Amino acid sequence: MRVRFWGVRGSLPAPGPETARYGGNTSCVDILTSDQQVVILDAGTGIRKLGLALAQEYPRRQVGTLLISHTHWDHIQGFPFFMPAFTRHNRFVVIGQKRVGQKLENLLRGQVVEPYLPFEYAELKADLVIKEVDDGERMIIGDETRLRVRELGHPGGCLGFRIENGDAAIAYCTDTTHPEGRINPNVLDLARDVDLLIHDSQFTPEQRRAFPSWGHSSWQEAVRAAAAARVKCLALFHHDPNATDDHLESVLREARAHFPHTILAQEGLALHLPFPPDTAIPNAVPS
């Protein structure tokens, strides 16, 4: 299973020299399974570059599954700029949930209208199959890839995903919180014994205490969840837009003191799962 990071930032894009090493695009990750299924996690601004890459890698036709954790801007704002969606012979199954009583399709349509954009949803000519799921559902993607869905703690709702294929498993838990002194049981359900846990770490511990209702975790909570779930590797994700590269690397040093197999999610980073026993941890920082 190959995992690539295209957008790792939370809340809004944060381009600039102080974020260039780890990237300023918002949430988007893609997975290529052993049976050649393309699974995309979220459609933040990082999905634009992913779309260009898919068009080069699959020039005849692009087919895949897009998992939408929730429809806050930083997780869908790249969707209108996902070029494979404009070509009629392409096909994507889009999986997510209702929010504020509105269907997922209507929420996606609602951002592709005037006056926000010079084109409308109807111009996305690809075969877009919208499926809504609920907490606890399980699905099969292709023939061999298993998907599990759990609700996470975030205002308005947010889905976490566990994807299993062959001997590899990944959990995607962005925009989540944990009860004080405990680990969110749904995060544990998704993350138990996975090769890679991608976990929200937007807040410092101080920010987490200052904004308890915003629905984000601190890096400390991510580390505790990874240890409790016995994951092989933790990727700190959904970086705060104000967090500089230097700040993120200082967080990584602290996190590794508690959970050594921790990395920073980074635009352009590609991982292959399961990890061989002697694989070095990527994106090591200076001592």
Protein backbone atom coordinates (compact mmCIF):
# COMPACT_ATOMS: atom_id res chain seq x y z
CA MET A 1 0.00 0.00 0.00
CA ARG A 2 1.42 3.38 -1.02
CA VAL A 3 0.41 6.53 0.88
CA ARG A 4 1.12 10.04 -0.44
CA PHE A 5 0.53 13.38 1.29
CA TRP A 6 -0.73 16.25 -0.90
CA GLY A 7 -2.08 18.61 1.77
CA VAL A 8 -1.27 18.53 5.48
CA ARG A 9 -2.43 21.91 6.81
CA GLY A 10 -5.60 22.62 8.78
CA SER A 11 -8.18 25.43 8.72
CA LEU A 12 -6.90 27.30 5.66
CA PRO A 13 -3.96 27.21 3.23
CA ALA A 14 -0.74 28.68 4.57
CA PRO A 15 1.77 29.22 1.74
CA GLY A 16 5.02 31.05 2.35
CA PRO A 17 8.70 30.64 3.13
CA GLU A 18 8.06 29.66 6.76
CA THR A 19 5.85 26.70 5.75
CA ALA A 20 7.63 25.60 2.57
CA ARG A 21 9.31 22.49 4.00
CA TYR A 22 6.15 20.81 5.24
CA GLY A 23 3.63 22.50 2.97
CA GLY A 24 0.73 24.91 3.10
CA ASN A 25 -2.05 23.05 1.27
CA THR A 26 -5.02 21.73 3.22
CA SER A 27 -5.99 18.13 3.82
CA CYS A 28 -5.54 15.56 1.06
CA VAL A 29 -3.92 12.12 1.12
CA ASP A 30 -4.07 9.38 -1.49
CA ILE A 31 -3.62 5.63 -1.15
CA LEU A 32 -2.82 3.09 -3.85
CA THR A 33 -3.70 -0.41 -2.71
CA SER A 34 -2.13 -3.69 -3.78
CA ASP A 35 -5.14 -4.33 -6.04
CA GLN A 36 -4.64 -0.90 -7.69
CA GLN A 37 -7.53 0.90 -6.00
CA VAL A 38 -7.05 4.67 -5.71
CA VAL A 39 -8.47 5.92 -2.40
CA ILE A 40 -8.40 9.66 -1.69
CA LEU A 41 -8.78 11.05 1.81
CA ASP A 42 -10.37 14.50 1.77
CA ALA A 43 -10.46 17.22 -0.88
CA GLY A 44 -8.63 20.18 0.61
CA THR A 45 -6.49 22.34 -1.65
CA GLY A 46 -3.92 19.56 -1.93
CA ILE A 47 -6.27 17.61 -4.21
CA ARG A 48 -5.51 19.98 -7.09
CA LYS A 49 -1.96 18.64 -7.48
CA LEU A 50 -3.17 15.10 -6.91
CA GLY A 51 -5.59 15.48 -9.81
CA LEU A 52 -2.77 16.57 -12.11
CA ALA A 53 -0.68 13.59 -10.98
CA LEU A 54 -3.51 11.11 -11.56
CA ALA A 55 -4.04 12.47 -15.08
CA GLN A 56 -0.39 11.69 -15.85
CA GLU A 57 -0.36 8.31 -14.12
CA TYR A 58 -3.66 7.14 -15.67
CA PRO A 59 -3.91 9.08 -18.95
CA ARG A 60 -6.77 7.02 -20.40
CA ARG A 61 -9.18 7.08 -17.46
CA GLN A 62 -9.11 7.99 -13.77
CA VAL A 63 -11.19 5.92 -11.36
CA GLY A 64 -11.17 6.07 -7.57
CA THR A 65 -12.89 6.50 -4.23
CA LEU A 66 -12.95 9.86 -2.45
CA LEU A 67 -13.58 9.75 1.30
CA ILE A 68 -14.79 13.06 2.75
CA SER A 69 -14.30 13.27 6.51
CA HIS A 70 -16.54 16.35 6.76
CA THR A 71 -17.39 19.42 4.73
CA HIS A 72 -15.55 22.20 6.51
CA TRP A 73 -13.74 24.35 3.95
CA ASP A 74 -10.28 22.91 4.53
CA HIS A 75 -11.52 19.44 3.58
CA ILE A 76 -13.52 20.23 0.42
CA GLN A 77 -12.28 23.53 -0.99
CA GLY A 78 -10.01 21.85 -3.52
CA PHE A 79 -12.81 19.72 -4.96
CA PRO A 80 -13.84 22.23 -7.70
CA PHE A 81 -10.21 22.24 -8.88
CA PHE A 82 -9.82 18.45 -9.08
CA MET A 83 -9.32 18.19 -12.84
CA PRO A 84 -10.30 14.49 -13.23
CA ALA A 85 -13.84 15.50 -12.18
CA PHE A 86 -14.24 17.48 -15.42
CA THR A 87 -13.73 14.52 -17.80
CA ARG A 88 -16.79 12.47 -18.68
CA HIS A 89 -15.20 9.01 -18.84
CA ASN A 90 -13.69 9.28 -15.34
CA ARG A 91 -15.51 7.82 -12.34
CA PHE A 92 -15.25 8.54 -8.61
CA VAL A 93 -17.31 7.21 -5.73
CA VAL A 94 -17.57 9.98 -3.12
CA ILE A 95 -18.27 8.76 0.41
CA GLY A 96 -19.21 11.00 3.33
CA GLN A 97 -22.10 12.01 5.56
CA LYS A 98 -24.92 14.51 5.85
CA ARG A 99 -24.24 17.70 7.78
CA VAL A 100 -26.76 20.14 9.28
CA GLY A 101 -29.52 18.06 7.70
CA GLN A 102 -28.22 18.49 4.16
CA LYS A 103 -27.22 15.71 1.79
CA LEU A 104 -23.55 15.38 0.94
CA GLU A 105 -24.21 16.02 -2.75
CA ASN A 106 -26.01 19.28 -1.98
CA LEU A 107 -23.15 20.42 0.23
CA LEU A 108 -20.63 19.77 -2.54
CA ARG A 109 -22.86 21.45 -5.12
CA GLY A 110 -23.27 24.45 -2.86
CA GLN A 111 -19.68 25.59 -3.23
CA VAL A 112 -19.59 25.21 -7.03
CA VAL A 113 -21.95 28.06 -7.90
CA GLU A 114 -21.89 31.71 -8.79
CA PRO A 115 -20.77 34.02 -7.22
CA TYR A 116 -18.02 31.84 -5.78
CA LEU A 117 -16.81 30.35 -9.08
CA PRO A 118 -17.24 31.04 -12.80
CA PHE A 119 -18.66 27.53 -13.41
CA GLU A 120 -21.24 25.26 -11.81
CA TYR A 121 -21.39 21.70 -10.52
CA ALA A 122 -23.03 20.50 -13.74
CA GLU A 123 -19.74 21.12 -15.55
CA LEU A 124 -18.10 18.35 -13.52
CA LYS A 125 -18.76 15.76 -16.24
CA ALA A 126 -17.18 12.75 -14.53
CA ASP A 127 -19.42 10.01 -13.19
CA LEU A 128 -19.60 11.12 -9.54
CA VAL A 129 -21.43 8.57 -7.39
CA ILE A 130 -22.28 10.06 -3.98
CA LYS A 131 -22.76 7.65 -1.07
CA GLU A 132 -23.67 8.64 2.48
CA VAL A 133 -22.52 6.51 5.39
CA ASP A 134 -23.09 6.41 9.14
CA ASP A 135 -20.98 5.66 12.17
CA GLY A 136 -19.85 2.05 12.31
CA GLU A 137 -20.44 1.15 8.67
CA ARG A 138 -18.09 -1.21 6.84
CA MET A 139 -17.58 -1.34 3.09
CA ILE A 140 -15.48 -3.12 0.48
CA ILE A 141 -13.61 -1.05 -2.10
CA GLY A 142 -12.72 -3.06 -5.20
CA ASP A 143 -12.19 -6.71 -4.32
CA GLU A 144 -9.74 -6.64 -1.41
CA THR A 145 -9.78 -3.26 0.35
CA ARG A 146 -11.83 -2.98 3.53
CA LEU A 147 -13.14 0.33 4.86
CA ARG A 148 -14.45 1.03 8.37
CA VAL A 149 -16.10 4.34 9.31
CA ARG A 150 -16.40 5.86 12.79
CA GLU A 151 -17.68 9.21 14.04
CA LEU A 152 -15.04 11.47 15.62
CA GLY A 153 -15.45 14.31 18.09
CA HIS A 154 -15.73 17.50 16.02
CA PRO A 155 -18.39 20.25 15.83
CA GLY A 156 -21.06 19.18 13.35
CA GLY A 157 -19.57 15.72 12.95
CA CYS A 158 -16.50 14.25 11.30
CA LEU A 159 -15.76 10.75 10.05
CA GLY A 160 -12.59 8.80 10.66
CA PHE A 161 -11.57 5.95 8.39
CA ARG A 162 -9.67 2.68 8.66
CA ILE A 163 -8.45 1.22 5.36
CA GLU A 164 -7.11 -2.34 5.28
CA ASN A 165 -5.52 -4.00 2.26
CA GLY A 166 -3.50 -7.19 2.37
CA ASP A 167 -1.09 -7.00 5.31
CA ALA A 168 -1.32 -3.20 5.63
CA ALA A 169 -3.71 -0.94 7.54
CA ILE A 170 -4.00 2.82 7.90
CA ALA A 171 -6.22 4.98 10.11
CA TYR A 172 -7.16 8.56 9.21
CA CYS A 173 -8.35 10.53 12.24
CA THR A 174 -8.32 14.19 11.40
CA ASP A 175 -10.35 16.83 13.27
CA THR A 176 -10.91 14.83 16.42
CA THR A 177 -10.83 15.31 20.17
CA HIS A 178 -10.44 13.05 23.18
CA PRO A 179 -12.27 13.14 26.52
CA GLU A 180 -10.13 14.57 29.29
CA GLY A 181 -7.84 11.88 30.64
CA ARG A 182 -9.06 9.23 28.18
CA ILE A 183 -8.69 8.19 24.56
CA ASN A 184 -11.63 8.57 22.19
CA PRO A 185 -12.88 4.95 21.86
CA ASN A 186 -13.75 5.43 18.19
CA VAL A 187 -10.18 6.53 17.46
CA LEU A 188 -8.93 3.41 19.25
CA ASP A 189 -11.31 1.26 17.21
CA LEU A 190 -9.94 2.66 13.96
CA ALA A 191 -6.27 2.82 14.94
CA ARG A 192 -5.65 -0.42 16.82
CA ASP A 193 -2.46 -2.08 15.50
CA VAL A 194 -2.38 -0.10 12.23
CA ASP A 195 0.84 0.49 10.32
CA LEU A 196 0.13 4.22 10.06
CA LEU A 197 -2.11 6.51 12.10
CA ILE A 198 -2.68 9.95 10.57
CA HIS A 199 -3.93 12.03 13.50
CA ASP A 200 -4.98 15.63 14.05
CA SER A 201 -2.31 17.55 15.99
CA GLN A 202 -3.27 21.13 15.21
CA PHE A 203 -3.08 22.44 18.77
CA THR A 204 -0.33 22.89 21.27
CA PRO A 205 -1.38 21.73 24.75
CA GLU A 206 -1.94 25.40 25.65
CA GLN A 207 -4.20 25.98 22.63
CA ARG A 208 -6.12 22.80 23.41
CA ARG A 209 -6.93 24.12 26.88
CA ALA A 210 -7.81 27.57 25.50
CA PHE A 211 -10.15 26.25 22.78
CA PRO A 212 -11.69 23.06 24.18
CA SER A 213 -14.78 23.16 21.95
CA TRP A 214 -13.05 23.67 18.60
CA GLY A 215 -12.74 19.95 17.88
CA HIS A 216 -8.98 19.58 17.48
CA SER A 217 -6.32 17.59 19.30
CA SER A 218 -2.93 18.48 20.67
CA TRP A 219 0.18 16.56 19.65
CA GLN A 220 0.19 15.09 23.16
CA GLU A 221 -3.25 13.57 22.62
CA ALA A 222 -2.14 12.17 19.26
CA VAL A 223 0.88 10.55 20.92
CA ARG A 224 -1.24 9.04 23.70
CA ALA A 225 -3.71 7.67 21.16
CA ALA A 226 -0.90 6.14 19.09
CA ALA A 227 0.62 4.46 22.14
CA ALA A 228 -2.72 3.16 23.38
CA ALA A 229 -3.58 1.74 19.95
CA ARG A 230 -0.11 0.18 19.50
CA VAL A 231 0.35 1.74 16.07
CA LYS A 232 3.60 1.22 14.21
CA CYS A 233 3.92 4.84 13.03
CA LEU A 234 2.16 8.10 13.93
CA ALA A 235 1.91 10.96 11.41
CA LEU A 236 1.12 14.31 13.02
CA PHE A 237 -1.35 15.99 10.64
CA HIS A 238 -3.63 19.00 10.15
CA HIS A 239 -0.92 21.46 11.11
CA ASP A 240 -2.04 24.86 12.38
CA PRO A 241 -1.80 27.54 9.65
CA ASN A 242 0.32 29.67 12.00
CA ALA A 243 2.77 26.86 12.74
CA THR A 244 6.11 27.43 11.05
CA ASP A 245 8.34 24.61 9.87
CA ASP A 246 10.69 25.29 12.77
CA HIS A 247 7.82 25.08 15.24
CA LEU A 248 6.62 21.79 13.75
CA GLU A 249 10.09 20.31 14.05
CA SER A 250 10.25 21.33 17.71
CA VAL A 251 6.91 19.59 18.25
CA LEU A 252 8.27 16.50 16.50
CA ARG A 253 11.25 16.37 18.86
CA GLU A 254 8.95 16.50 21.86
CA ALA A 255 6.57 13.91 20.41
CA ARG A 256 9.40 11.49 19.66
CA ALA A 257 10.52 11.68 23.27
CA HIS A 258 7.21 10.00 24.14
CA PHE A 259 6.52 7.96 20.98
CA PRO A 260 9.70 7.46 18.91
CA HIS A 261 7.94 6.29 15.75
CA THR A 262 6.40 9.70 15.06
CA ILE A 263 6.70 11.69 11.84
CA LEU A 264 5.35 14.97 10.53
CA ALA A 265 2.91 14.73 7.64
CA GLN A 266 4.65 16.56 4.81
CA GLU A 267 3.58 17.49 1.30
CA GLY A 268 5.32 15.19 -1.17
CA LEU A 269 6.04 12.48 1.39
CA ALA A 270 5.32 8.95 0.14
CA LEU A 271 5.23 5.90 2.41
CA HIS A 272 4.97 2.22 1.54
CA LEU A 273 3.11 -0.06 3.94
CA PRO A 274 3.69 -2.30 5.74
CA PHE A 275 7.05 -0.94 6.83
CA PRO A 276 9.97 -3.38 6.53
CA PRO A 277 11.50 -4.02 9.97
CA ASP A 278 14.66 -2.05 9.19
CA THR A 279 12.96 0.98 7.59
CA ALA A 280 14.25 4.32 8.88
CA ILE A 281 11.65 6.81 10.09
CA PRO A 282 11.22 9.50 7.39
CA ASN A 283 11.61 13.29 7.76
CA ALA A 284 14.07 13.12 10.66
CA VAL A 285 14.94 16.54 12.04
CA PRO A 286 18.30 17.93 13.09
CA SER A 287 19.30 17.07 16.64
